[in-house]
Amino acid sequence: MIVRWLMPLGERTRPDAPTFAECPGPNEVRAVVLVDDVGQLFPILLEWRGLFGNDLTGWAGQVEADDIENLPPEMGPTNCAWTRCRVAT
C-alpha cells in the first residue's frame, strides 16, 4: 500500500466559533480527495471554496490506501478524529 494524503471537506457550522468545523467521515462528506503529495491539497481546497462557498475547510491526514474506494476501516465515522476538528484557516 502507498501512503497518501486524504482530505474530506469540512463544514464551518458555528458562526460564533470560526475555528470550529464539522468533519464527518470520508463516506459522509460532500467531497473527499486522495492525493500523493500534500501540496496538491491546497489548490483542491481553493476549488472547493469556489464551488461550495467560503464556509468550509478541510482536514487532511496520511493514510495507507491504494484508492478512494478502499479506505482503511479506521477512517470511518466512528473515529472521533473525524467527528470534529479545530481549524485555523
N, C-alpha and C. Protein backbone atom coordinates (compact mmCIF):
# COMPACT_ATOMS: atom_id res chain seq x y z
N MET A 1 0.84 -1.19 0.00
CA MET A 1 0.00 0.00 0.00
C MET A 1 0.87 1.25 0.00
N ILE A 2 0.35 2.28 -0.60
CA ILE A 2 1.05 3.55 -0.69
C ILE A 2 0.48 4.51 0.36
N VAL A 3 1.36 5.29 0.99
CA VAL A 3 0.90 6.32 1.92
C VAL A 3 0.53 7.56 1.12
N ARG A 4 -0.70 8.00 1.30
CA ARG A 4 -1.22 9.16 0.57
C ARG A 4 -1.88 10.11 1.56
N TRP A 5 -2.29 11.26 1.06
CA TRP A 5 -3.00 12.26 1.86
C TRP A 5 -4.48 12.21 1.54
N LEU A 6 -5.31 12.12 2.58
CA LEU A 6 -6.76 12.11 2.46
C LEU A 6 -7.30 13.40 3.06
N MET A 7 -8.17 14.09 2.32
CA MET A 7 -8.78 15.31 2.83
C MET A 7 -10.27 15.30 2.54
N PRO A 8 -11.10 15.19 3.60
CA PRO A 8 -12.53 15.37 3.41
C PRO A 8 -12.88 16.85 3.57
N LEU A 9 -13.94 17.25 2.94
CA LEU A 9 -14.44 18.61 3.08
C LEU A 9 -15.06 18.76 4.46
N GLY A 10 -14.73 19.82 5.16
CA GLY A 10 -15.32 20.11 6.46
C GLY A 10 -16.20 21.34 6.36
N GLU A 11 -17.26 21.38 7.14
CA GLU A 11 -18.21 22.49 7.10
C GLU A 11 -18.09 23.33 8.37
N ARG A 12 -17.97 24.62 8.20
CA ARG A 12 -18.00 25.53 9.35
C ARG A 12 -19.46 25.77 9.70
N THR A 13 -19.91 25.17 10.78
CA THR A 13 -21.33 25.19 11.11
C THR A 13 -21.67 26.11 12.28
N ARG A 14 -20.66 26.75 12.87
CA ARG A 14 -20.92 27.62 14.02
C ARG A 14 -20.32 29.00 13.77
N PRO A 15 -21.13 29.95 13.31
CA PRO A 15 -20.62 31.30 13.05
C PRO A 15 -20.00 31.95 14.29
N ASP A 16 -20.45 31.54 15.47
CA ASP A 16 -19.92 32.11 16.72
C ASP A 16 -18.53 31.55 17.05
N ALA A 17 -18.11 30.49 16.38
CA ALA A 17 -16.80 29.87 16.63
C ALA A 17 -16.13 29.61 15.28
N PRO A 18 -15.47 30.64 14.71
CA PRO A 18 -14.94 30.49 13.35
C PRO A 18 -13.82 29.47 13.19
N THR A 19 -13.23 28.99 14.29
CA THR A 19 -12.20 27.97 14.16
C THR A 19 -12.75 26.56 14.34
N PHE A 20 -14.07 26.42 14.44
CA PHE A 20 -14.70 25.11 14.61
C PHE A 20 -15.26 24.64 13.28
N ALA A 21 -15.08 23.38 12.97
CA ALA A 21 -15.65 22.80 11.76
C ALA A 21 -16.09 21.37 12.04
N GLU A 22 -17.21 20.98 11.44
CA GLU A 22 -17.67 19.60 11.48
C GLU A 22 -16.94 18.85 10.38
N CYS A 23 -16.30 17.76 10.73
CA CYS A 23 -15.57 16.95 9.74
C CYS A 23 -16.08 15.52 9.81
N PRO A 24 -17.16 15.21 9.09
CA PRO A 24 -17.67 13.84 9.09
C PRO A 24 -16.68 12.87 8.45
N GLY A 25 -16.96 11.61 8.57
CA GLY A 25 -16.13 10.59 7.96
C GLY A 25 -16.11 10.72 6.45
N PRO A 26 -15.09 10.18 5.81
CA PRO A 26 -14.94 10.32 4.35
C PRO A 26 -16.11 9.81 3.54
N ASN A 27 -16.90 8.88 4.08
CA ASN A 27 -18.05 8.36 3.34
C ASN A 27 -19.30 9.20 3.52
N GLU A 28 -19.23 10.27 4.35
CA GLU A 28 -20.41 11.08 4.66
C GLU A 28 -20.28 12.52 4.21
N VAL A 29 -19.21 12.91 3.55
CA VAL A 29 -18.99 14.30 3.19
C VAL A 29 -19.40 14.58 1.75
N ARG A 30 -19.55 15.87 1.44
CA ARG A 30 -19.89 16.25 0.06
C ARG A 30 -18.74 16.03 -0.90
N ALA A 31 -17.51 16.09 -0.38
CA ALA A 31 -16.34 15.91 -1.23
C ALA A 31 -15.20 15.33 -0.40
N VAL A 32 -14.39 14.49 -1.03
CA VAL A 32 -13.21 13.91 -0.40
C VAL A 32 -12.19 13.66 -1.50
N VAL A 33 -10.91 13.81 -1.15
CA VAL A 33 -9.87 13.63 -2.15
C VAL A 33 -8.73 12.82 -1.54
N LEU A 34 -8.08 12.04 -2.38
CA LEU A 34 -6.91 11.25 -2.00
C LEU A 34 -5.80 11.61 -2.99
N VAL A 35 -4.70 12.16 -2.47
CA VAL A 35 -3.61 12.62 -3.34
C VAL A 35 -2.28 12.06 -2.86
N ASP A 36 -1.28 12.13 -3.73
CA ASP A 36 0.05 11.62 -3.40
C ASP A 36 0.89 12.60 -2.61
N ASP A 37 0.70 13.90 -2.84
CA ASP A 37 1.55 14.92 -2.23
C ASP A 37 0.69 15.96 -1.53
N VAL A 38 1.10 16.37 -0.33
CA VAL A 38 0.33 17.33 0.45
C VAL A 38 0.15 18.65 -0.30
N GLY A 39 1.08 19.04 -1.15
CA GLY A 39 0.96 20.26 -1.92
C GLY A 39 -0.20 20.27 -2.88
N GLN A 40 -0.71 19.10 -3.24
CA GLN A 40 -1.86 19.01 -4.14
C GLN A 40 -3.16 19.38 -3.44
N LEU A 41 -3.17 19.40 -2.11
CA LEU A 41 -4.40 19.66 -1.38
C LEU A 41 -4.84 21.12 -1.42
N PHE A 42 -3.90 22.06 -1.46
CA PHE A 42 -4.25 23.47 -1.39
C PHE A 42 -5.04 23.96 -2.59
N PRO A 43 -4.64 23.64 -3.83
CA PRO A 43 -5.48 24.05 -4.96
C PRO A 43 -6.86 23.40 -4.94
N ILE A 44 -6.94 22.18 -4.43
CA ILE A 44 -8.23 21.49 -4.35
C ILE A 44 -9.13 22.19 -3.35
N LEU A 45 -8.59 22.57 -2.19
CA LEU A 45 -9.38 23.29 -1.19
C LEU A 45 -9.87 24.62 -1.75
N LEU A 46 -9.02 25.33 -2.47
CA LEU A 46 -9.44 26.59 -3.10
C LEU A 46 -10.55 26.36 -4.12
N GLU A 47 -10.46 25.29 -4.88
CA GLU A 47 -11.51 24.97 -5.84
C GLU A 47 -12.82 24.64 -5.13
N TRP A 48 -12.74 23.87 -4.04
CA TRP A 48 -13.94 23.56 -3.27
C TRP A 48 -14.59 24.83 -2.74
N ARG A 49 -13.78 25.78 -2.26
CA ARG A 49 -14.33 27.03 -1.76
C ARG A 49 -15.02 27.81 -2.88
N GLY A 50 -14.49 27.72 -4.10
CA GLY A 50 -15.15 28.35 -5.23
C GLY A 50 -16.48 27.69 -5.56
N LEU A 51 -16.56 26.38 -5.40
CA LEU A 51 -17.78 25.63 -5.69
C LEU A 51 -18.82 25.71 -4.58
N PHE A 52 -18.36 25.55 -3.33
CA PHE A 52 -19.28 25.41 -2.21
C PHE A 52 -19.37 26.63 -1.29
N GLY A 53 -18.51 27.63 -1.48
CA GLY A 53 -18.51 28.82 -0.61
C GLY A 53 -17.37 28.77 0.39
N ASN A 54 -17.14 29.90 1.04
CA ASN A 54 -16.00 30.03 1.95
C ASN A 54 -16.23 29.42 3.33
N ASP A 55 -17.45 29.04 3.67
CA ASP A 55 -17.72 28.49 4.99
C ASP A 55 -17.43 27.00 5.06
N LEU A 56 -16.28 26.62 4.55
CA LEU A 56 -15.85 25.23 4.63
C LEU A 56 -14.34 25.20 4.81
N THR A 57 -13.87 24.06 5.14
CA THR A 57 -12.44 23.84 5.32
C THR A 57 -12.16 22.37 5.03
N GLY A 58 -10.96 21.96 5.22
CA GLY A 58 -10.61 20.56 5.04
C GLY A 58 -9.68 20.11 6.15
N TRP A 59 -9.71 18.86 6.44
CA TRP A 59 -8.80 18.26 7.41
C TRP A 59 -8.08 17.15 6.68
N ALA A 60 -6.76 17.17 6.72
CA ALA A 60 -6.01 16.17 5.96
C ALA A 60 -5.17 15.30 6.90
N GLY A 61 -4.99 14.08 6.48
CA GLY A 61 -4.15 13.15 7.21
C GLY A 61 -3.60 12.10 6.27
N GLN A 62 -2.50 11.50 6.67
CA GLN A 62 -1.92 10.45 5.85
C GLN A 62 -2.59 9.12 6.13
N VAL A 63 -2.85 8.39 5.08
CA VAL A 63 -3.45 7.06 5.17
C VAL A 63 -2.73 6.12 4.21
N GLU A 64 -2.76 4.86 4.52
CA GLU A 64 -2.27 3.85 3.58
C GLU A 64 -3.48 3.38 2.79
N ALA A 65 -3.53 3.81 1.53
CA ALA A 65 -4.66 3.44 0.68
C ALA A 65 -4.24 3.48 -0.78
N ASP A 66 -4.71 2.50 -1.53
CA ASP A 66 -4.41 2.45 -2.95
C ASP A 66 -5.39 3.31 -3.76
N ASP A 67 -6.63 3.44 -3.26
CA ASP A 67 -7.61 4.27 -3.95
C ASP A 67 -8.68 4.71 -2.96
N ILE A 68 -9.49 5.65 -3.38
CA ILE A 68 -10.51 6.26 -2.52
C ILE A 68 -11.63 5.29 -2.15
N GLU A 69 -11.82 4.27 -2.95
CA GLU A 69 -12.88 3.29 -2.70
C GLU A 69 -12.52 2.29 -1.61
N ASN A 70 -11.25 2.15 -1.30
CA ASN A 70 -10.81 1.14 -0.33
C ASN A 70 -10.00 1.77 0.80
N LEU A 71 -10.67 2.65 1.55
CA LEU A 71 -10.00 3.30 2.68
C LEU A 71 -9.92 2.35 3.86
N PRO A 72 -8.93 2.52 4.72
CA PRO A 72 -8.84 1.68 5.91
C PRO A 72 -10.09 1.83 6.79
N PRO A 73 -10.50 0.77 7.47
CA PRO A 73 -11.72 0.82 8.29
C PRO A 73 -11.67 1.89 9.37
N GLU A 74 -10.49 2.22 9.88
CA GLU A 74 -10.41 3.23 10.94
C GLU A 74 -10.73 4.64 10.44
N MET A 75 -10.93 4.82 9.16
CA MET A 75 -11.29 6.12 8.62
C MET A 75 -12.79 6.34 8.59
N GLY A 76 -13.54 5.50 9.24
CA GLY A 76 -14.99 5.63 9.26
C GLY A 76 -15.46 6.67 10.24
N PRO A 77 -16.77 6.94 10.29
CA PRO A 77 -17.32 7.99 11.15
C PRO A 77 -17.20 7.69 12.64
N THR A 78 -16.88 6.46 13.03
CA THR A 78 -16.75 6.16 14.45
C THR A 78 -15.44 6.66 15.03
N ASN A 79 -14.46 6.99 14.18
CA ASN A 79 -13.19 7.53 14.64
C ASN A 79 -13.40 8.97 15.06
N CYS A 80 -13.20 9.29 16.34
CA CYS A 80 -13.51 10.63 16.84
C CYS A 80 -12.65 11.71 16.18
N ALA A 81 -11.53 11.37 15.61
CA ALA A 81 -10.71 12.37 14.93
C ALA A 81 -11.45 12.94 13.72
N TRP A 82 -12.41 12.21 13.19
CA TRP A 82 -13.15 12.70 12.03
C TRP A 82 -14.45 13.39 12.43
N THR A 83 -14.82 13.37 13.70
CA THR A 83 -16.09 13.92 14.11
C THR A 83 -16.07 15.44 14.17
N ARG A 84 -15.05 16.00 14.81
CA ARG A 84 -14.91 17.45 14.91
C ARG A 84 -13.44 17.79 14.82
N CYS A 85 -13.15 18.92 14.26
CA CYS A 85 -11.76 19.34 14.23
C CYS A 85 -11.69 20.85 14.40
N ARG A 86 -10.61 21.31 14.95
CA ARG A 86 -10.35 22.74 15.04
C ARG A 86 -9.46 23.13 13.88
N VAL A 87 -9.80 24.23 13.26
CA VAL A 87 -9.03 24.66 12.10
C VAL A 87 -8.59 26.11 12.30
N ALA A 88 -7.57 26.48 11.61
CA ALA A 88 -7.07 27.84 11.73
C ALA A 88 -6.98 28.52 10.36
N THR A 89 -7.76 28.07 9.39
CA THR A 89 -7.71 28.68 8.07
C THR A 89 -8.84 29.66 7.90
